[in-house]
Amino acid sequence: IMSRADRILELRDGLLTRESTPEPEPVT
């Protein structure tokens, strides 16, 4: 699911600690 998202928000102990975008899936 994370790989399909536009943004990833990480919560830790009630705090929003990190925002990132998914890494593109490798091309095979």
mmCIF file of all heavy atoms, coordinates in Angstrom:
data_MODEL
# 
_entry.id   MODEL 
# 
loop_
_atom_site.group_PDB 
_atom_site.id 
_atom_site.type_symbol 
_atom_site.label_atom_id 
_atom_site.label_alt_id 
_atom_site.label_comp_id 
_atom_site.label_asym_id 
_atom_site.label_entity_id 
_atom_site.label_seq_id 
_atom_site.pdbx_PDB_ins_code 
_atom_site.Cartn_x 
_atom_site.Cartn_y 
_atom_site.Cartn_z 
_atom_site.occupancy 
_atom_site.B_iso_or_equiv 
_atom_site.pdbx_formal_charge 
_atom_site.auth_seq_id 
_atom_site.auth_comp_id 
_atom_site.auth_asym_id 
_atom_site.auth_atom_id 
_atom_site.pdbx_PDB_model_num 
ATOM 1   N N   . ILE A 1 1  ? 0.843  -1.205 0.000   1.00 0.00 ? 1  ILE A N   1 
ATOM 2   C CA  . ILE A 1 1  ? 0.000  0.000  0.000   1.00 0.00 ? 1  ILE A CA  1 
ATOM 3   C C   . ILE A 1 1  ? 0.870  1.244  0.000   1.00 0.00 ? 1  ILE A C   1 
ATOM 4   O O   . ILE A 1 1  ? 0.627  2.201  -0.721  1.00 0.00 ? 1  ILE A O   1 
ATOM 5   C CB  . ILE A 1 1  ? -0.953 0.018  1.210   1.00 0.00 ? 1  ILE A CB  1 
ATOM 6   C CG1 . ILE A 1 1  ? -2.157 -0.879 0.950   1.00 0.00 ? 1  ILE A CG1 1 
ATOM 7   C CG2 . ILE A 1 1  ? -1.441 1.425  1.510   1.00 0.00 ? 1  ILE A CG2 1 
ATOM 8   C CD1 . ILE A 1 1  ? -3.262 -0.745 1.968   1.00 0.00 ? 1  ILE A CD1 1 
ATOM 9   N N   . MET A 1 2  ? 1.924  1.229  0.816   1.00 0.00 ? 2  MET A N   1 
ATOM 10  C CA  . MET A 1 2  ? 2.813  2.394  0.872   1.00 0.00 ? 2  MET A CA  1 
ATOM 11  C C   . MET A 1 2  ? 3.377  2.714  -0.519  1.00 0.00 ? 2  MET A C   1 
ATOM 12  O O   . MET A 1 2  ? 3.513  3.882  -0.893  1.00 0.00 ? 2  MET A O   1 
ATOM 13  C CB  . MET A 1 2  ? 3.960  2.140  1.844   1.00 0.00 ? 2  MET A CB  1 
ATOM 14  C CG  . MET A 1 2  ? 3.530  1.934  3.281   1.00 0.00 ? 2  MET A CG  1 
ATOM 15  S SD  . MET A 1 2  ? 4.970  1.572  4.330   1.00 0.00 ? 2  MET A SD  1 
ATOM 16  C CE  . MET A 1 2  ? 4.207  0.566  5.615   1.00 0.00 ? 2  MET A CE  1 
ATOM 17  N N   . SER A 1 3  ? 3.701  1.682  -1.287  1.00 0.00 ? 3  SER A N   1 
ATOM 18  C CA  . SER A 1 3  ? 4.299  1.899  -2.601  1.00 0.00 ? 3  SER A CA  1 
ATOM 19  C C   . SER A 1 3  ? 3.313  2.518  -3.581  1.00 0.00 ? 3  SER A C   1 
ATOM 20  O O   . SER A 1 3  ? 3.724  3.127  -4.573  1.00 0.00 ? 3  SER A O   1 
ATOM 21  C CB  . SER A 1 3  ? 4.836  0.573  -3.165  1.00 0.00 ? 3  SER A CB  1 
ATOM 22  O OG  . SER A 1 3  ? 3.772  -0.291 -3.537  1.00 0.00 ? 3  SER A OG  1 
ATOM 23  N N   . ARG A 1 4  ? 2.002  2.384  -3.323  1.00 0.00 ? 4  ARG A N   1 
ATOM 24  C CA  . ARG A 1 4  ? 0.981  2.948  -4.207  1.00 0.00 ? 4  ARG A CA  1 
ATOM 25  C C   . ARG A 1 4  ? 0.541  4.344  -3.772  1.00 0.00 ? 4  ARG A C   1 
ATOM 26  O O   . ARG A 1 4  ? -0.201 5.015  -4.480  1.00 0.00 ? 4  ARG A O   1 
ATOM 27  C CB  . ARG A 1 4  ? -0.254 2.040  -4.225  1.00 0.00 ? 4  ARG A CB  1 
ATOM 28  C CG  . ARG A 1 4  ? -0.031 0.623  -4.743  1.00 0.00 ? 4  ARG A CG  1 
ATOM 29  C CD  . ARG A 1 4  ? 0.185  0.595  -6.237  1.00 0.00 ? 4  ARG A CD  1 
ATOM 30  N NE  . ARG A 1 4  ? 0.180  -0.774 -6.744  1.00 0.00 ? 4  ARG A NE  1 
ATOM 31  C CZ  . ARG A 1 4  ? -0.886 -1.366 -7.281  1.00 0.00 ? 4  ARG A CZ  1 
ATOM 32  N NH1 . ARG A 1 4  ? -2.037 -0.737 -7.346  1.00 0.00 ? 4  ARG A NH1 1 
ATOM 33  N NH2 . ARG A 1 4  ? -0.802 -2.597 -7.740  1.00 0.00 ? 4  ARG A NH2 1 
ATOM 34  N N   . ALA A 1 5  ? 0.951  4.770  -2.579  1.00 0.00 ? 5  ALA A N   1 
ATOM 35  C CA  . ALA A 1 5  ? 0.501  6.054  -2.031  1.00 0.00 ? 5  ALA A CA  1 
ATOM 36  C C   . ALA A 1 5  ? 1.236  7.215  -2.695  1.00 0.00 ? 5  ALA A C   1 
ATOM 37  O O   . ALA A 1 5  ? 2.300  7.056  -3.284  1.00 0.00 ? 5  ALA A O   1 
ATOM 38  C CB  . ALA A 1 5  ? 0.716  6.084  -0.526  1.00 0.00 ? 5  ALA A CB  1 
ATOM 39  N N   . ASP A 1 6  ? 0.626  8.410  -2.581  1.00 0.00 ? 6  ASP A N   1 
ATOM 40  C CA  . ASP A 1 6  ? 1.293  9.627  -3.046  1.00 0.00 ? 6  ASP A CA  1 
ATOM 41  C C   . ASP A 1 6  ? 2.226  10.180 -1.984  1.00 0.00 ? 6  ASP A C   1 
ATOM 42  O O   . ASP A 1 6  ? 3.272  10.746 -2.297  1.00 0.00 ? 6  ASP A O   1 
ATOM 43  C CB  . ASP A 1 6  ? 0.243  10.687 -3.402  1.00 0.00 ? 6  ASP A CB  1 
ATOM 44  C CG  . ASP A 1 6  ? -0.664 10.240 -4.530  1.00 0.00 ? 6  ASP A CG  1 
ATOM 45  O OD1 . ASP A 1 6  ? -0.137 9.863  -5.588  1.00 0.00 ? 6  ASP A OD1 1 
ATOM 46  O OD2 . ASP A 1 6  ? -1.893 10.256 -4.345  1.00 0.00 ? 6  ASP A OD2 1 
ATOM 47  N N   . ARG A 1 7  ? 1.808  10.037 -0.715  1.00 0.00 ? 7  ARG A N   1 
ATOM 48  C CA  . ARG A 1 7  ? 2.637  10.486 0.409   1.00 0.00 ? 7  ARG A CA  1 
ATOM 49  C C   . ARG A 1 7  ? 2.551  9.467  1.533   1.00 0.00 ? 7  ARG A C   1 
ATOM 50  O O   . ARG A 1 7  ? 1.530  8.815  1.716   1.00 0.00 ? 7  ARG A O   1 
ATOM 51  C CB  . ARG A 1 7  ? 2.159  11.841 0.944   1.00 0.00 ? 7  ARG A CB  1 
ATOM 52  C CG  . ARG A 1 7  ? 2.481  13.025 0.080   1.00 0.00 ? 7  ARG A CG  1 
ATOM 53  C CD  . ARG A 1 7  ? 2.223  14.328 0.842   1.00 0.00 ? 7  ARG A CD  1 
ATOM 54  N NE  . ARG A 1 7  ? 0.808  14.578 1.069   1.00 0.00 ? 7  ARG A NE  1 
ATOM 55  C CZ  . ARG A 1 7  ? 0.318  15.176 2.140   1.00 0.00 ? 7  ARG A CZ  1 
ATOM 56  N NH1 . ARG A 1 7  ? 1.119  15.529 3.142   1.00 0.00 ? 7  ARG A NH1 1 
ATOM 57  N NH2 . ARG A 1 7  ? -0.980 15.398 2.262   1.00 0.00 ? 7  ARG A NH2 1 
ATOM 58  N N   . ILE A 1 8  ? 3.640  9.373  2.281   1.00 0.00 ? 8  ILE A N   1 
ATOM 59  C CA  . ILE A 1 8  ? 3.683  8.519  3.468   1.00 0.00 ? 8  ILE A CA  1 
ATOM 60  C C   . ILE A 1 8  ? 3.956  9.412  4.674   1.00 0.00 ? 8  ILE A C   1 
ATOM 61  O O   . ILE A 1 8  ? 4.933  10.162 4.699   1.00 0.00 ? 8  ILE A O   1 
ATOM 62  C CB  . ILE A 1 8  ? 4.789  7.451  3.350   1.00 0.00 ? 8  ILE A CB  1 
ATOM 63  C CG1 . ILE A 1 8  ? 4.547  6.562  2.131   1.00 0.00 ? 8  ILE A CG1 1 
ATOM 64  C CG2 . ILE A 1 8  ? 4.844  6.596  4.623   1.00 0.00 ? 8  ILE A CG2 1 
ATOM 65  C CD1 . ILE A 1 8  ? 5.702  5.614  1.822   1.00 0.00 ? 8  ILE A CD1 1 
ATOM 66  N N   . LEU A 1 9  ? 3.059  9.346  5.665   1.00 0.00 ? 9  LEU A N   1 
ATOM 67  C CA  . LEU A 1 9  ? 3.227  10.107 6.899   1.00 0.00 ? 9  LEU A CA  1 
ATOM 68  C C   . LEU A 1 9  ? 3.484  9.127  8.034   1.00 0.00 ? 9  LEU A C   1 
ATOM 69  O O   . LEU A 1 9  ? 2.709  8.182  8.217   1.00 0.00 ? 9  LEU A O   1 
ATOM 70  C CB  . LEU A 1 9  ? 1.976  10.933 7.208   1.00 0.00 ? 9  LEU A CB  1 
ATOM 71  C CG  . LEU A 1 9  ? 1.487  11.892 6.121   1.00 0.00 ? 9  LEU A CG  1 
ATOM 72  C CD1 . LEU A 1 9  ? 0.241  12.636 6.600   1.00 0.00 ? 9  LEU A CD1 1 
ATOM 73  C CD2 . LEU A 1 9  ? 2.575  12.886 5.720   1.00 0.00 ? 9  LEU A CD2 1 
ATOM 74  N N   . GLU A 1 10 ? 4.542  9.343  8.783   1.00 0.00 ? 10 GLU A N   1 
ATOM 75  C CA  . GLU A 1 10 ? 4.888  8.435  9.874   1.00 0.00 ? 10 GLU A CA  1 
ATOM 76  C C   . GLU A 1 10 ? 4.611  9.083  11.229  1.00 0.00 ? 10 GLU A C   1 
ATOM 77  O O   . GLU A 1 10 ? 5.075  10.185 11.512  1.00 0.00 ? 10 GLU A O   1 
ATOM 78  C CB  . GLU A 1 10 ? 6.356  8.031  9.799   1.00 0.00 ? 10 GLU A CB  1 
ATOM 79  C CG  . GLU A 1 10 ? 6.736  7.023  10.883  1.00 0.00 ? 10 GLU A CG  1 
ATOM 80  C CD  . GLU A 1 10 ? 8.148  6.490  10.742  1.00 0.00 ? 10 GLU A CD  1 
ATOM 81  O OE1 . GLU A 1 10 ? 8.834  6.866  9.765   1.00 0.00 ? 10 GLU A OE1 1 
ATOM 82  O OE2 . GLU A 1 10 ? 8.563  5.689  11.609  1.00 0.00 ? 10 GLU A OE2 1 
ATOM 83  N N   . LEU A 1 11 ? 3.834  8.368  12.045  1.00 0.00 ? 11 LEU A N   1 
ATOM 84  C CA  . LEU A 1 11 ? 3.570  8.796  13.416  1.00 0.00 ? 11 LEU A CA  1 
ATOM 85  C C   . LEU A 1 11 ? 4.400  7.962  14.375  1.00 0.00 ? 11 LEU A C   1 
ATOM 86  O O   . LEU A 1 11 ? 4.551  6.747  14.192  1.00 0.00 ? 11 LEU A O   1 
ATOM 87  C CB  . LEU A 1 11 ? 2.082  8.610  13.752  1.00 0.00 ? 11 LEU A CB  1 
ATOM 88  C CG  . LEU A 1 11 ? 1.106  9.669  13.245  1.00 0.00 ? 11 LEU A CG  1 
ATOM 89  C CD1 . LEU A 1 11 ? -0.318 9.190  13.472  1.00 0.00 ? 11 LEU A CD1 1 
ATOM 90  C CD2 . LEU A 1 11 ? 1.320  10.998 13.945  1.00 0.00 ? 11 LEU A CD2 1 
ATOM 91  N N   . ARG A 1 12 ? 4.919  8.635  15.393  1.00 0.00 ? 12 ARG A N   1 
ATOM 92  C CA  . ARG A 1 12 ? 5.657  7.935  16.440  1.00 0.00 ? 12 ARG A CA  1 
ATOM 93  C C   . ARG A 1 12 ? 5.326  8.594  17.777  1.00 0.00 ? 12 ARG A C   1 
ATOM 94  O O   . ARG A 1 12 ? 5.549  9.790  17.948  1.00 0.00 ? 12 ARG A O   1 
ATOM 95  C CB  . ARG A 1 12 ? 7.160  7.986  16.178  1.00 0.00 ? 12 ARG A CB  1 
ATOM 96  C CG  . ARG A 1 12 ? 8.000  7.215  17.185  1.00 0.00 ? 12 ARG A CG  1 
ATOM 97  C CD  . ARG A 1 12 ? 9.463  7.249  16.790  1.00 0.00 ? 12 ARG A CD  1 
ATOM 98  N NE  . ARG A 1 12 ? 9.692  6.622  15.496  1.00 0.00 ? 12 ARG A NE  1 
ATOM 99  C CZ  . ARG A 1 12 ? 10.862 6.641  14.855  1.00 0.00 ? 12 ARG A CZ  1 
ATOM 100 N NH1 . ARG A 1 12 ? 11.893 7.270  15.397  1.00 0.00 ? 12 ARG A NH1 1 
ATOM 101 N NH2 . ARG A 1 12 ? 10.991 6.045  13.686  1.00 0.00 ? 12 ARG A NH2 1 
ATOM 102 N N   . ASP A 1 13 ? 4.744  7.814  18.680  1.00 0.00 ? 13 ASP A N   1 
ATOM 103 C CA  . ASP A 1 13 ? 4.368  8.320  20.008  1.00 0.00 ? 13 ASP A CA  1 
ATOM 104 C C   . ASP A 1 13 ? 3.523  9.589  19.913  1.00 0.00 ? 13 ASP A C   1 
ATOM 105 O O   . ASP A 1 13 ? 3.714  10.551 20.664  1.00 0.00 ? 13 ASP A O   1 
ATOM 106 C CB  . ASP A 1 13 ? 5.620  8.599  20.851  1.00 0.00 ? 13 ASP A CB  1 
ATOM 107 C CG  . ASP A 1 13 ? 6.409  7.324  21.134  1.00 0.00 ? 13 ASP A CG  1 
ATOM 108 O OD1 . ASP A 1 13 ? 5.772  6.260  21.275  1.00 0.00 ? 13 ASP A OD1 1 
ATOM 109 O OD2 . ASP A 1 13 ? 7.645  7.398  21.201  1.00 0.00 ? 13 ASP A OD2 1 
ATOM 110 N N   . GLY A 1 14 ? 2.585  9.601  18.948  1.00 0.00 ? 14 GLY A N   1 
ATOM 111 C CA  . GLY A 1 14 ? 1.672  10.724 18.817  1.00 0.00 ? 14 GLY A CA  1 
ATOM 112 C C   . GLY A 1 14 ? 2.213  11.926 18.072  1.00 0.00 ? 14 GLY A C   1 
ATOM 113 O O   . GLY A 1 14 ? 1.536  12.947 17.957  1.00 0.00 ? 14 GLY A O   1 
ATOM 114 N N   . LEU A 1 15 ? 3.437  11.824 17.553  1.00 0.00 ? 15 LEU A N   1 
ATOM 115 C CA  . LEU A 1 15 ? 4.059  12.915 16.812  1.00 0.00 ? 15 LEU A CA  1 
ATOM 116 C C   . LEU A 1 15 ? 4.219  12.531 15.347  1.00 0.00 ? 15 LEU A C   1 
ATOM 117 O O   . LEU A 1 15 ? 4.569  11.385 15.031  1.00 0.00 ? 15 LEU A O   1 
ATOM 118 C CB  . LEU A 1 15 ? 5.443  13.238 17.385  1.00 0.00 ? 15 LEU A CB  1 
ATOM 119 C CG  . LEU A 1 15 ? 5.485  13.845 18.787  1.00 0.00 ? 15 LEU A CG  1 
ATOM 120 C CD1 . LEU A 1 15 ? 6.927  13.832 19.309  1.00 0.00 ? 15 LEU A CD1 1 
ATOM 121 C CD2 . LEU A 1 15 ? 4.947  15.266 18.773  1.00 0.00 ? 15 LEU A CD2 1 
ATOM 122 N N   . LEU A 1 16 ? 3.977  13.474 14.455  1.00 0.00 ? 16 LEU A N   1 
ATOM 123 C CA  . LEU A 1 16 ? 4.247  13.257 13.041  1.00 0.00 ? 16 LEU A CA  1 
ATOM 124 C C   . LEU A 1 16 ? 5.730  13.513 12.819  1.00 0.00 ? 16 LEU A C   1 
ATOM 125 O O   . LEU A 1 16 ? 6.189  14.655 12.834  1.00 0.00 ? 16 LEU A O   1 
ATOM 126 C CB  . LEU A 1 16 ? 3.401  14.209 12.197  1.00 0.00 ? 16 LEU A CB  1 
ATOM 127 C CG  . LEU A 1 16 ? 3.435  14.012 10.687  1.00 0.00 ? 16 LEU A CG  1 
ATOM 128 C CD1 . LEU A 1 16 ? 3.005  12.600 10.299  1.00 0.00 ? 16 LEU A CD1 1 
ATOM 129 C CD2 . LEU A 1 16 ? 2.528  15.031 10.006  1.00 0.00 ? 16 LEU A CD2 1 
ATOM 130 N N   . THR A 1 17 ? 6.487  12.427 12.659  1.00 0.00 ? 17 THR A N   1 
ATOM 131 C CA  . THR A 1 17 ? 7.950  12.546 12.670  1.00 0.00 ? 17 THR A CA  1 
ATOM 132 C C   . THR A 1 17 ? 8.568  12.597 11.285  1.00 0.00 ? 17 THR A C   1 
ATOM 133 O O   . THR A 1 17 ? 9.705  13.054 11.134  1.00 0.00 ? 17 THR A O   1 
ATOM 134 C CB  . THR A 1 17 ? 8.575  11.365 13.434  1.00 0.00 ? 17 THR A CB  1 
ATOM 135 O OG1 . THR A 1 17 ? 8.178  10.134 12.812  1.00 0.00 ? 17 THR A OG1 1 
ATOM 136 C CG2 . THR A 1 17 ? 8.113  11.368 14.885  1.00 0.00 ? 17 THR A CG2 1 
ATOM 137 N N   . ARG A 1 18 ? 7.844  12.120 10.274  1.00 0.00 ? 18 ARG A N   1 
ATOM 138 C CA  . ARG A 1 18 ? 8.476  12.063 8.949   1.00 0.00 ? 18 ARG A CA  1 
ATOM 139 C C   . ARG A 1 18 ? 7.408  12.058 7.871   1.00 0.00 ? 18 ARG A C   1 
ATOM 140 O O   . ARG A 1 18 ? 6.359  11.444 8.016   1.00 0.00 ? 18 ARG A O   1 
ATOM 141 C CB  . ARG A 1 18 ? 9.339  10.805 8.836   1.00 0.00 ? 18 ARG A CB  1 
ATOM 142 C CG  . ARG A 1 18 ? 10.135 10.694 7.534   1.00 0.00 ? 18 ARG A CG  1 
ATOM 143 C CD  . ARG A 1 18 ? 11.169 9.583  7.660   1.00 0.00 ? 18 ARG A CD  1 
ATOM 144 N NE  . ARG A 1 18 ? 10.559 8.282  7.828   1.00 0.00 ? 18 ARG A NE  1 
ATOM 145 C CZ  . ARG A 1 18 ? 10.305 7.431  6.812   1.00 0.00 ? 18 ARG A CZ  1 
ATOM 146 N NH1 . ARG A 1 18 ? 10.611 7.762  5.575   1.00 0.00 ? 18 ARG A NH1 1 
ATOM 147 N NH2 . ARG A 1 18 ? 9.762  6.258  7.051   1.00 0.00 ? 18 ARG A NH2 1 
ATOM 148 N N   . GLU A 1 19 ? 7.692  12.761 6.764   1.00 0.00 ? 19 GLU A N   1 
ATOM 149 C CA  . GLU A 1 19 ? 6.862  12.702 5.567   1.00 0.00 ? 19 GLU A CA  1 
ATOM 150 C C   . GLU A 1 19 ? 7.750  12.349 4.394   1.00 0.00 ? 19 GLU A C   1 
ATOM 151 O O   . GLU A 1 19 ? 8.842  12.905 4.241   1.00 0.00 ? 19 GLU A O   1 
ATOM 152 C CB  . GLU A 1 19 ? 6.162  14.037 5.315   1.00 0.00 ? 19 GLU A CB  1 
ATOM 153 C CG  . GLU A 1 19 ? 5.325  14.038 4.052   1.00 0.00 ? 19 GLU A CG  1 
ATOM 154 C CD  . GLU A 1 19 ? 4.539  15.327 3.839   1.00 0.00 ? 19 GLU A CD  1 
ATOM 155 O OE1 . GLU A 1 19 ? 4.294  16.035 4.834   1.00 0.00 ? 19 GLU A OE1 1 
ATOM 156 O OE2 . GLU A 1 19 ? 4.170  15.591 2.685   1.00 0.00 ? 19 GLU A OE2 1 
ATOM 157 N N   . SER A 1 20 ? 7.301  11.413 3.564   1.00 0.00 ? 20 SER A N   1 
ATOM 158 C CA  . SER A 1 20 ? 8.113  10.984 2.438   1.00 0.00 ? 20 SER A CA  1 
ATOM 159 C C   . SER A 1 20 ? 7.209  10.599 1.275   1.00 0.00 ? 20 SER A C   1 
ATOM 160 O O   . SER A 1 20 ? 5.983  10.521 1.403   1.00 0.00 ? 20 SER A O   1 
ATOM 161 C CB  . SER A 1 20 ? 9.001  9.797  2.837   1.00 0.00 ? 20 SER A CB  1 
ATOM 162 O OG  . SER A 1 20 ? 8.207  8.697  3.250   1.00 0.00 ? 20 SER A OG  1 
ATOM 163 N N   . THR A 1 21 ? 7.838  10.393 0.133   1.00 0.00 ? 21 THR A N   1 
ATOM 164 C CA  . THR A 1 21 ? 7.131  9.862  -1.030  1.00 0.00 ? 21 THR A CA  1 
ATOM 165 C C   . THR A 1 21 ? 7.680  8.478  -1.314  1.00 0.00 ? 21 THR A C   1 
ATOM 166 O O   . THR A 1 21 ? 8.864  8.202  -1.063  1.00 0.00 ? 21 THR A O   1 
ATOM 167 C CB  . THR A 1 21 ? 7.324  10.765 -2.257  1.00 0.00 ? 21 THR A CB  1 
ATOM 168 O OG1 . THR A 1 21 ? 8.725  10.950 -2.492  1.00 0.00 ? 21 THR A OG1 1 
ATOM 169 C CG2 . THR A 1 21 ? 6.670  12.120 -2.041  1.00 0.00 ? 21 THR A CG2 1 
ATOM 170 N N   . PRO A 1 22 ? 6.828  7.571  -1.826  1.00 0.00 ? 22 PRO A N   1 
ATOM 171 C CA  . PRO A 1 22 ? 7.286  6.198  -2.064  1.00 0.00 ? 22 PRO A CA  1 
ATOM 172 C C   . PRO A 1 22 ? 8.417  6.145  -3.087  1.00 0.00 ? 22 PRO A C   1 
ATOM 173 O O   . PRO A 1 22 ? 8.471  6.953  -4.019  1.00 0.00 ? 22 PRO A O   1 
ATOM 174 C CB  . PRO A 1 22 ? 6.044  5.491  -2.602  1.00 0.00 ? 22 PRO A CB  1 
ATOM 175 C CG  . PRO A 1 22 ? 4.900  6.354  -2.215  1.00 0.00 ? 22 PRO A CG  1 
ATOM 176 C CD  . PRO A 1 22 ? 5.419  7.755  -2.172  1.00 0.00 ? 22 PRO A CD  1 
ATOM 177 N N   . GLU A 1 23 ? 9.324  5.222  -2.887  1.00 0.00 ? 23 GLU A N   1 
ATOM 178 C CA  . GLU A 1 23 ? 10.369 4.986  -3.872  1.00 0.00 ? 23 GLU A CA  1 
ATOM 179 C C   . GLU A 1 23 ? 9.765  4.284  -5.075  1.00 0.00 ? 23 GLU A C   1 
ATOM 180 O O   . GLU A 1 23 ? 8.931  3.386  -4.906  1.00 0.00 ? 23 GLU A O   1 
ATOM 181 C CB  . GLU A 1 23 ? 11.497 4.151  -3.271  1.00 0.00 ? 23 GLU A CB  1 
ATOM 182 C CG  . GLU A 1 23 ? 12.233 4.835  -2.124  1.00 0.00 ? 23 GLU A CG  1 
ATOM 183 C CD  . GLU A 1 23 ? 13.366 3.972  -1.601  1.00 0.00 ? 23 GLU A CD  1 
ATOM 184 O OE1 . GLU A 1 23 ? 13.581 2.873  -2.162  1.00 0.00 ? 23 GLU A OE1 1 
ATOM 185 O OE2 . GLU A 1 23 ? 14.016 4.391  -0.640  1.00 0.00 ? 23 GLU A OE2 1 
ATOM 186 N N   . PRO A 1 24 ? 10.152 4.662  -6.292  1.00 0.00 ? 24 PRO A N   1 
ATOM 187 C CA  . PRO A 1 24 ? 9.611  3.978  -7.472  1.00 0.00 ? 24 PRO A CA  1 
ATOM 188 C C   . PRO A 1 24 ? 9.989  2.509  -7.468  1.00 0.00 ? 24 PRO A C   1 
ATOM 189 O O   . PRO A 1 24 ? 11.093 2.130  -7.042  1.00 0.00 ? 24 PRO A O   1 
ATOM 190 C CB  . PRO A 1 24 ? 10.254 4.729  -8.642  1.00 0.00 ? 24 PRO A CB  1 
ATOM 191 C CG  . PRO A 1 24 ? 11.467 5.409  -8.060  1.00 0.00 ? 24 PRO A CG  1 
ATOM 192 C CD  . PRO A 1 24 ? 11.140 5.705  -6.638  1.00 0.00 ? 24 PRO A CD  1 
ATOM 193 N N   . GLU A 1 25 ? 9.058  1.682  -7.938  1.00 0.00 ? 25 GLU A N   1 
ATOM 194 C CA  . GLU A 1 25 ? 9.331  0.253  -7.998  1.00 0.00 ? 25 GLU A CA  1 
ATOM 195 C C   . GLU A 1 25 ? 10.377 -0.025 -9.070  1.00 0.00 ? 25 GLU A C   1 
ATOM 196 O O   . GLU A 1 25 ? 10.371 0.602  -10.143 1.00 0.00 ? 25 GLU A O   1 
ATOM 197 C CB  . GLU A 1 25 ? 8.040  -0.521 -8.292  1.00 0.00 ? 25 GLU A CB  1 
ATOM 198 C CG  . GLU A 1 25 ? 7.008  -0.376 -7.199  1.00 0.00 ? 25 GLU A CG  1 
ATOM 199 C CD  . GLU A 1 25 ? 5.763  -1.194 -7.498  1.00 0.00 ? 25 GLU A CD  1 
ATOM 200 O OE1 . GLU A 1 25 ? 5.757  -1.868 -8.547  1.00 0.00 ? 25 GLU A OE1 1 
ATOM 201 O OE2 . GLU A 1 25 ? 4.823  -1.137 -6.706  1.00 0.00 ? 25 GLU A OE2 1 
ATOM 202 N N   . PRO A 1 26 ? 11.306 -0.949 -8.808  1.00 0.00 ? 26 PRO A N   1 
ATOM 203 C CA  . PRO A 1 26 ? 12.356 -1.239 -9.805  1.00 0.00 ? 26 PRO A CA  1 
ATOM 204 C C   . PRO A 1 26 ? 11.776 -1.792 -11.095 1.00 0.00 ? 26 PRO A C   1 
ATOM 205 O O   . PRO A 1 26 ? 10.793 -2.536 -11.080 1.00 0.00 ? 26 PRO A O   1 
ATOM 206 C CB  . PRO A 1 26 ? 13.238 -2.277 -9.091  1.00 0.00 ? 26 PRO A CB  1 
ATOM 207 C CG  . PRO A 1 26 ? 12.348 -2.880 -8.048  1.00 0.00 ? 26 PRO A CG  1 
ATOM 208 C CD  . PRO A 1 26 ? 11.415 -1.796 -7.621  1.00 0.00 ? 26 PRO A CD  1 
ATOM 209 N N   . VAL A 1 27 ? 12.380 -1.396 -12.202 1.00 0.00 ? 27 VAL A N   1 
ATOM 210 C CA  . VAL A 1 27 ? 11.939 -1.877 -13.509 1.00 0.00 ? 27 VAL A CA  1 
ATOM 211 C C   . VAL A 1 27 ? 12.644 -3.194 -13.811 1.00 0.00 ? 27 VAL A C   1 
ATOM 212 O O   . VAL A 1 27 ? 13.864 -3.301 -13.702 1.00 0.00 ? 27 VAL A O   1 
ATOM 213 C CB  . VAL A 1 27 ? 12.277 -0.845 -14.604 1.00 0.00 ? 27 VAL A CB  1 
ATOM 214 C CG1 . VAL A 1 27 ? 11.879 -1.389 -15.982 1.00 0.00 ? 27 VAL A CG1 1 
ATOM 215 C CG2 . VAL A 1 27 ? 11.581 0.471  -14.319 1.00 0.00 ? 27 VAL A CG2 1 
ATOM 216 N N   . THR A 1 28 ? 11.852 -4.202 -14.149 1.00 0.00 ? 28 THR A N   1 
ATOM 217 C CA  . THR A 1 28 ? 12.424 -5.503 -14.488 1.00 0.00 ? 28 THR A CA  1 
ATOM 218 C C   . THR A 1 28 ? 12.227 -5.775 -15.964 1.00 0.00 ? 28 THR A C   1 
ATOM 219 O O   . THR A 1 28 ? 11.197 -5.421 -16.544 1.00 0.00 ? 28 THR A O   1 
ATOM 220 C CB  . THR A 1 28 ? 11.765 -6.623 -13.678 1.00 0.00 ? 28 THR A CB  1 
ATOM 221 O OG1 . THR A 1 28 ? 10.354 -6.607 -13.891 1.00 0.00 ? 28 THR A OG1 1 
ATOM 222 C CG2 . THR A 1 28 ? 12.029 -6.433 -12.192 1.00 0.00 ? 28 THR A CG2 1 
# 
